[in-house]
Amino acid sequence: MRNYLSPTVIATLTLLVSSVFSQGQIYVGVGGYTGPPSGFVGEYDQNTGDPINSSLVSPLSDVKGISLSGSDLYIGDAETNTVGIYNAVTGVPINSTFLTGIAVDDLIVSGNTLYVSSGDSVLAYDATTGTALTNFTASDDFLGGSGMAISGSDLYISGNNHVVELDAATGATIQDTTVSGALGLAIANGVLYESNGYSVFEYNITPNGLSEFSRIDGTGAYGIAASGTDLYVADYSAGTIGEYDIATGSAINASLVGGLGDPNSVIVAVPEPSELWEVTAGLIGIGLLASSYRRRQGSFLRSV
């Protein structure tokens, strides 16, 4: 007789995996303005703000930009002019001097391309080998670009009171919009979020540029990240990561993570649904093997 796991058991396993593994992580980059090497990157629970590892990568000098690609965490350091790669789970260096001699303002990884804003330029590298791919046309409009975001084939960079939209492959300028201040950037559902050190502004992305329609008032807003229905804001003056409703701007928890000193970068990592199913399928497979083993053992005992 075949021995299957019941639908109830399978549903229970699925719910268990979803509840445990769907909890994302918040990675926070903290600068070293209190005197290098006081910078670090910490990891926190997305739902509770509790530390998973508050000194995941430490010490660092002056964190400027963090980005996640699979299990690799890319960290820019403006003091040492380097970009390092670290294991996102353990914090162990994979290559702490992956790129050197670069005045890093921010960075982002998309596919296998690493983009680094540096002064009035955007530099592109192979994210695996570090080979230089291209140096996009310099522009004073994003001088000191401190925010970067990717949407499809478009790269957005903020700086010098501008948000500039570039073709991510060629670096050609698509749109250049004047904004009030320009620090962190995030994109979700066709909306661009931009922080200016005091507030977070929302813009519709249109063929004619950006159209402002709302904002979240606050102090010290620097790095921002969007995840699902939530917007996460690094407040460097309060030393916190705040969580806000992305549609209304209402605070869910303005101090989800506290005691950070001067956070300037924040990213959120949430497991993909396919990853959850792989884990669930694995557990179901283990359950089926165990059930089959018990059935064979029972048959053996009956035979003797």
Protein backbone atom coordinates (compact mmCIF):
# COMPACT_ATOMS: atom_id res chain seq x y z
CA MET A 1 0.00 0.00 0.00
CA ARG A 2 1.33 3.45 -0.90
CA ASN A 3 2.02 5.76 1.99
CA TYR A 4 1.42 9.46 1.32
CA LEU A 5 1.58 12.44 3.63
CA SER A 6 -1.92 13.72 4.24
CA PRO A 7 -2.98 17.10 2.80
CA THR A 8 -3.22 18.35 6.38
CA VAL A 9 0.42 17.52 7.05
CA ILE A 10 1.54 19.12 3.77
CA ALA A 11 -0.45 22.28 4.53
CA THR A 12 1.05 22.42 8.02
CA LEU A 13 4.57 22.11 6.62
CA THR A 14 3.87 24.87 4.09
CA LEU A 15 2.55 27.22 6.77
CA LEU A 16 5.50 26.45 9.01
CA VAL A 17 8.03 27.17 6.29
CA SER A 18 6.21 30.37 5.26
CA SER A 19 6.08 31.69 8.81
CA VAL A 20 9.74 30.94 9.52
CA PHE A 21 11.48 31.59 6.22
CA SER A 22 9.38 34.44 4.82
CA GLN A 23 10.67 36.73 7.53
CA GLY A 24 13.05 39.03 5.72
CA GLN A 25 16.21 40.67 6.90
CA ILE A 26 17.09 44.33 7.07
CA TYR A 27 20.72 45.15 6.38
CA VAL A 28 21.82 48.55 7.67
CA GLY A 29 25.01 50.37 6.78
CA VAL A 30 26.31 52.81 9.39
CA GLY A 31 28.89 55.46 8.55
CA GLY A 32 31.98 56.22 10.57
CA TYR A 33 31.37 59.89 11.28
CA THR A 34 32.20 59.42 14.95
CA GLY A 35 35.71 58.51 13.93
CA PRO A 36 36.90 55.58 11.80
CA PRO A 37 36.82 52.67 12.14
CA SER A 38 33.38 52.96 13.73
CA GLY A 39 31.32 51.97 10.70
CA PHE A 40 29.57 48.61 10.41
CA VAL A 41 26.81 46.68 8.66
CA GLY A 42 24.21 45.04 10.89
CA GLU A 43 21.43 42.55 10.16
CA TYR A 44 17.99 42.79 11.76
CA ASP A 45 14.65 41.00 11.64
CA GLN A 46 12.32 42.74 9.19
CA ASN A 47 9.21 42.18 11.30
CA THR A 48 10.47 42.91 14.81
CA GLY A 49 13.62 44.94 14.27
CA ASP A 50 15.45 42.61 16.64
CA PRO A 51 19.15 42.11 15.92
CA ILE A 52 20.11 38.98 14.02
CA ASN A 53 23.72 40.11 14.00
CA SER A 54 24.18 43.78 14.82
CA SER A 55 27.86 43.64 13.87
CA LEU A 56 27.61 41.35 10.86
CA VAL A 57 30.49 43.14 9.14
CA SER A 58 32.64 45.16 11.51
CA PRO A 59 34.71 47.20 11.83
CA LEU A 60 34.39 49.30 8.70
CA SER A 61 35.52 52.87 8.21
CA ASP A 62 32.76 54.81 6.43
CA VAL A 63 30.01 52.71 4.85
CA LYS A 64 28.62 54.26 1.69
CA GLY A 65 26.26 51.91 -0.09
CA ILE A 66 25.30 48.28 0.43
CA SER A 67 23.70 45.89 -2.05
CA LEU A 68 22.75 42.22 -1.96
CA SER A 69 23.19 39.70 -4.76
CA GLY A 70 22.21 36.19 -3.76
CA SER A 71 24.26 35.43 -0.65
CA ASP A 72 26.86 38.09 -1.45
CA LEU A 73 26.75 41.44 0.31
CA TYR A 74 28.57 44.29 -1.46
CA ILE A 75 29.75 47.12 0.79
CA GLY A 76 31.26 50.43 -0.25
CA ASP A 77 33.69 52.20 2.08
CA ALA A 78 34.31 55.89 1.38
CA GLU A 79 37.22 56.12 3.82
CA THR A 80 39.28 53.29 2.35
CA ASN A 81 38.00 53.83 -1.21
CA THR A 82 37.10 50.17 -1.58
CA VAL A 83 34.20 47.88 -2.41
CA GLY A 84 34.21 44.58 -0.54
CA ILE A 85 32.15 41.40 -0.88
CA TYR A 86 31.03 39.54 2.25
CA ASN A 87 28.90 36.51 3.00
CA ALA A 88 25.44 37.89 3.80
CA VAL A 89 24.79 35.19 6.42
CA THR A 90 28.09 35.00 8.28
CA GLY A 91 29.69 38.35 7.43
CA VAL A 92 32.90 36.53 6.52
CA PRO A 93 34.89 38.41 3.85
CA ILE A 94 34.80 36.87 0.39
CA ASN A 95 36.97 39.65 -1.01
CA SER A 96 37.24 42.74 1.18
CA THR A 97 39.16 44.60 -1.54
CA PHE A 98 37.13 43.52 -4.55
CA LEU A 99 37.51 47.04 -5.96
CA THR A 100 40.11 49.56 -4.79
CA GLY A 101 40.99 53.17 -5.45
CA ILE A 102 37.36 54.26 -5.93
CA ALA A 103 35.77 57.18 -4.08
CA VAL A 104 32.48 55.42 -3.38
CA ASP A 105 29.29 57.46 -2.96
CA ASP A 106 26.83 54.59 -3.41
CA LEU A 107 26.53 51.25 -5.21
CA ILE A 108 23.96 48.77 -6.47
CA VAL A 109 24.11 45.32 -8.07
CA SER A 110 21.75 44.31 -10.86
CA GLY A 111 22.19 40.91 -12.49
CA ASN A 112 25.92 40.49 -12.84
CA THR A 113 26.68 44.19 -13.06
CA LEU A 114 27.92 46.30 -10.17
CA TYR A 115 27.24 50.03 -10.52
CA VAL A 116 29.23 52.47 -8.39
CA SER A 117 28.57 56.20 -8.18
CA SER A 118 31.80 58.11 -7.67
CA GLY A 119 31.96 61.88 -7.79
CA ASP A 120 30.33 62.92 -11.05
CA SER A 121 30.57 59.49 -12.70
CA VAL A 122 28.89 56.10 -12.66
CA LEU A 123 31.25 53.16 -13.02
CA ALA A 124 30.09 49.70 -14.10
CA TYR A 125 31.91 46.46 -13.27
CA ASP A 126 31.43 42.75 -13.70
CA ALA A 127 30.05 41.78 -10.29
CA THR A 128 31.91 38.46 -10.32
CA THR A 129 35.35 39.35 -11.64
CA GLY A 130 35.56 43.08 -10.96
CA THR A 131 36.43 43.76 -14.59
CA ALA A 132 35.63 47.35 -15.57
CA LEU A 133 32.82 47.46 -18.12
CA THR A 134 32.24 51.15 -18.75
CA ASN A 135 32.47 54.61 -17.27
CA PHE A 136 29.23 56.45 -17.90
CA THR A 137 29.34 60.04 -19.05
CA ALA A 138 30.13 62.33 -16.14
CA SER A 139 27.46 64.78 -15.07
CA ASP A 140 27.45 67.51 -12.44
CA ASP A 141 23.73 66.81 -12.05
CA PHE A 142 24.49 63.74 -9.98
CA LEU A 143 27.70 64.99 -8.40
CA GLY A 144 28.29 62.94 -5.27
CA GLY A 145 25.38 60.66 -6.16
CA SER A 146 24.28 59.21 -2.84
CA GLY A 147 21.27 57.21 -4.04
CA MET A 148 20.87 54.56 -6.73
CA ALA A 149 17.93 52.42 -7.85
CA ILE A 150 17.22 50.05 -10.73
CA SER A 151 13.90 49.60 -12.51
CA GLY A 152 13.96 47.30 -15.50
CA SER A 153 16.64 48.57 -17.87
CA ASP A 154 16.81 52.01 -16.25
CA LEU A 155 19.28 53.18 -13.62
CA TYR A 156 18.32 56.10 -11.38
CA ILE A 157 20.91 58.14 -9.52
CA SER A 158 20.40 61.08 -7.17
CA GLY A 159 22.71 63.93 -6.29
CA ASN A 160 23.14 67.70 -6.46
CA ASN A 161 19.36 68.31 -6.30
CA HIS A 162 18.70 66.07 -9.30
CA VAL A 163 17.42 62.60 -10.03
CA VAL A 164 18.85 61.37 -13.32
CA GLU A 165 17.47 58.38 -15.21
CA LEU A 166 20.08 56.54 -17.29
CA ASP A 167 20.00 53.63 -19.68
CA ALA A 168 21.62 50.94 -17.53
CA ALA A 169 23.40 49.43 -20.52
CA THR A 170 24.74 52.51 -22.29
CA GLY A 171 24.64 55.24 -19.65
CA ALA A 172 22.67 57.51 -21.96
CA THR A 173 20.57 60.08 -20.09
CA ILE A 174 16.83 59.45 -20.44
CA GLN A 175 15.43 62.02 -18.03
CA ASP A 176 16.89 64.61 -15.66
CA THR A 177 14.55 65.97 -12.99
CA THR A 178 15.30 68.74 -10.49
CA VAL A 179 14.21 67.80 -6.97
CA SER A 180 14.45 69.24 -3.47
CA GLY A 181 17.61 67.65 -2.17
CA ALA A 182 18.66 64.21 -3.32
CA LEU A 183 19.98 61.45 -1.07
CA GLY A 184 18.46 57.96 -0.97
CA LEU A 185 16.34 56.36 -3.70
CA ALA A 186 13.93 53.43 -3.88
CA ILE A 187 11.45 52.25 -6.52
CA ALA A 188 8.29 50.18 -6.10
CA ASN A 189 5.29 49.71 -8.41
CA GLY A 190 6.19 52.54 -10.75
CA VAL A 191 6.74 55.01 -7.92
CA LEU A 192 10.11 56.52 -7.05
CA TYR A 193 10.85 57.47 -3.44
CA GLU A 194 13.54 60.06 -2.77
CA SER A 195 14.90 61.29 0.55
CA ASN A 196 16.48 64.69 1.07
CA GLY A 197 17.65 64.59 4.68
CA TYR A 198 14.35 65.89 6.05
CA SER A 199 11.53 64.14 4.21
CA VAL A 200 10.77 61.36 1.77
CA PHE A 201 9.15 62.47 -1.48
CA GLU A 202 7.11 60.27 -3.80
CA TYR A 203 7.12 60.67 -7.57
CA ASN A 204 5.21 59.02 -10.36
CA ILE A 205 7.62 57.89 -13.06
CA THR A 206 6.32 59.28 -16.36
CA PRO A 207 7.74 59.56 -19.89
CA ASN A 208 8.21 63.26 -19.14
CA GLY A 209 10.20 62.71 -15.96
CA LEU A 210 9.09 62.59 -12.35
CA SER A 211 5.82 64.01 -11.06
CA GLU A 212 5.73 64.66 -7.31
CA PHE A 213 2.51 63.74 -5.56
CA SER A 214 3.23 63.09 -1.90
CA ARG A 215 5.81 62.97 0.85
CA ILE A 216 6.57 61.64 4.31
CA ASP A 217 7.75 64.34 6.69
CA GLY A 218 10.47 63.53 9.15
CA THR A 219 14.00 64.39 10.16
CA GLY A 220 17.26 62.89 9.07
CA ALA A 221 15.87 60.76 6.23
CA TYR A 222 18.81 59.31 4.31
CA GLY A 223 18.83 55.78 2.88
CA ILE A 224 15.46 54.24 1.97
CA ALA A 225 14.24 50.81 0.86
CA ALA A 226 10.88 49.53 -0.36
CA SER A 227 9.58 46.04 0.37
CA GLY A 228 6.01 44.97 -0.32
CA THR A 229 3.67 47.48 1.30
CA ASP A 230 6.35 48.98 3.52
CA LEU A 231 8.95 51.70 3.16
CA TYR A 232 12.02 51.63 5.38
CA VAL A 233 13.80 54.90 6.16
CA ALA A 234 17.26 55.33 7.66
CA ASP A 235 17.16 58.38 9.94
CA TYR A 236 20.73 59.46 10.59
CA SER A 237 19.79 62.12 13.14
CA ALA A 238 17.70 59.76 15.29
CA GLY A 239 19.89 56.71 14.66
CA THR A 240 16.92 54.60 13.63
CA ILE A 241 15.33 52.61 10.83
CA GLY A 242 11.66 53.51 10.58
CA GLU A 243 8.91 51.48 8.94
CA TYR A 244 6.11 53.30 7.08
CA ASP A 245 3.06 52.35 5.07
CA ILE A 246 4.19 52.81 1.49
CA ALA A 247 0.73 53.95 0.32
CA THR A 248 -0.17 56.43 3.06
CA GLY A 249 3.18 57.37 4.61
CA SER A 250 1.77 56.57 8.04
CA ALA A 251 4.31 55.36 10.56
CA ILE A 252 4.06 51.67 11.39
CA ASN A 253 7.08 51.81 13.67
CA ALA A 254 9.23 54.93 13.39
CA SER A 255 11.97 53.28 15.44
CA LEU A 256 11.81 49.69 14.25
CA VAL A 257 15.58 49.49 14.71
CA GLY A 258 17.25 51.90 17.11
CA GLY A 259 20.62 52.82 18.57
CA LEU A 260 22.39 52.85 15.21
CA GLY A 261 24.45 56.02 15.41
CA ASP A 262 24.31 57.46 11.90
CA PRO A 263 22.71 54.95 9.51
CA ASN A 264 22.90 55.95 5.85
CA SER A 265 22.12 52.75 3.93
CA VAL A 266 19.31 50.23 4.24
CA ILE A 267 18.26 47.25 2.12
CA VAL A 268 15.65 44.56 2.72
CA ALA A 269 16.02 40.92 1.69
CA VAL A 270 12.91 38.73 1.51
CA PRO A 271 12.98 35.11 0.28
CA GLU A 272 11.37 34.58 -3.12
CA PRO A 273 8.23 32.37 -3.24
CA SER A 274 10.20 29.82 -5.28
CA GLU A 275 12.73 29.56 -2.47
CA LEU A 276 9.97 28.91 0.05
CA TRP A 277 8.54 26.17 -2.16
CA GLU A 278 11.96 24.54 -2.52
CA VAL A 279 12.30 24.36 1.26
CA THR A 280 8.73 23.07 1.64
CA ALA A 281 9.26 20.46 -1.07
CA GLY A 282 12.44 19.36 0.66
CA LEU A 283 10.67 18.91 3.97
CA ILE A 284 7.83 17.01 2.29
CA GLY A 285 10.39 14.76 0.61
CA ILE A 286 12.07 14.07 3.94
CA GLY A 287 8.67 13.29 5.43
CA LEU A 288 7.85 10.85 2.64
CA LEU A 289 11.21 9.09 3.03
CA ALA A 290 10.72 8.82 6.78
CA SER A 291 7.18 7.53 6.34
CA SER A 292 8.33 4.98 3.77
CA TYR A 293 11.15 3.89 6.05
CA ARG A 294 8.76 3.35 8.97
CA ARG A 295 6.45 1.34 6.70
CA ARG A 296 9.32 -0.92 5.59
CA GLN A 297 10.46 -1.38 9.16
CA GLY A 298 6.93 -2.38 10.14
CA SER A 299 6.76 -4.88 7.31
CA PHE A 300 10.11 -6.35 8.35
CA LEU A 301 9.03 -6.75 11.95
CA ARG A 302 5.80 -8.45 10.91
CA SER A 303 7.71 -10.86 8.70
CA VAL A 304 9.91 -12.02 11.56
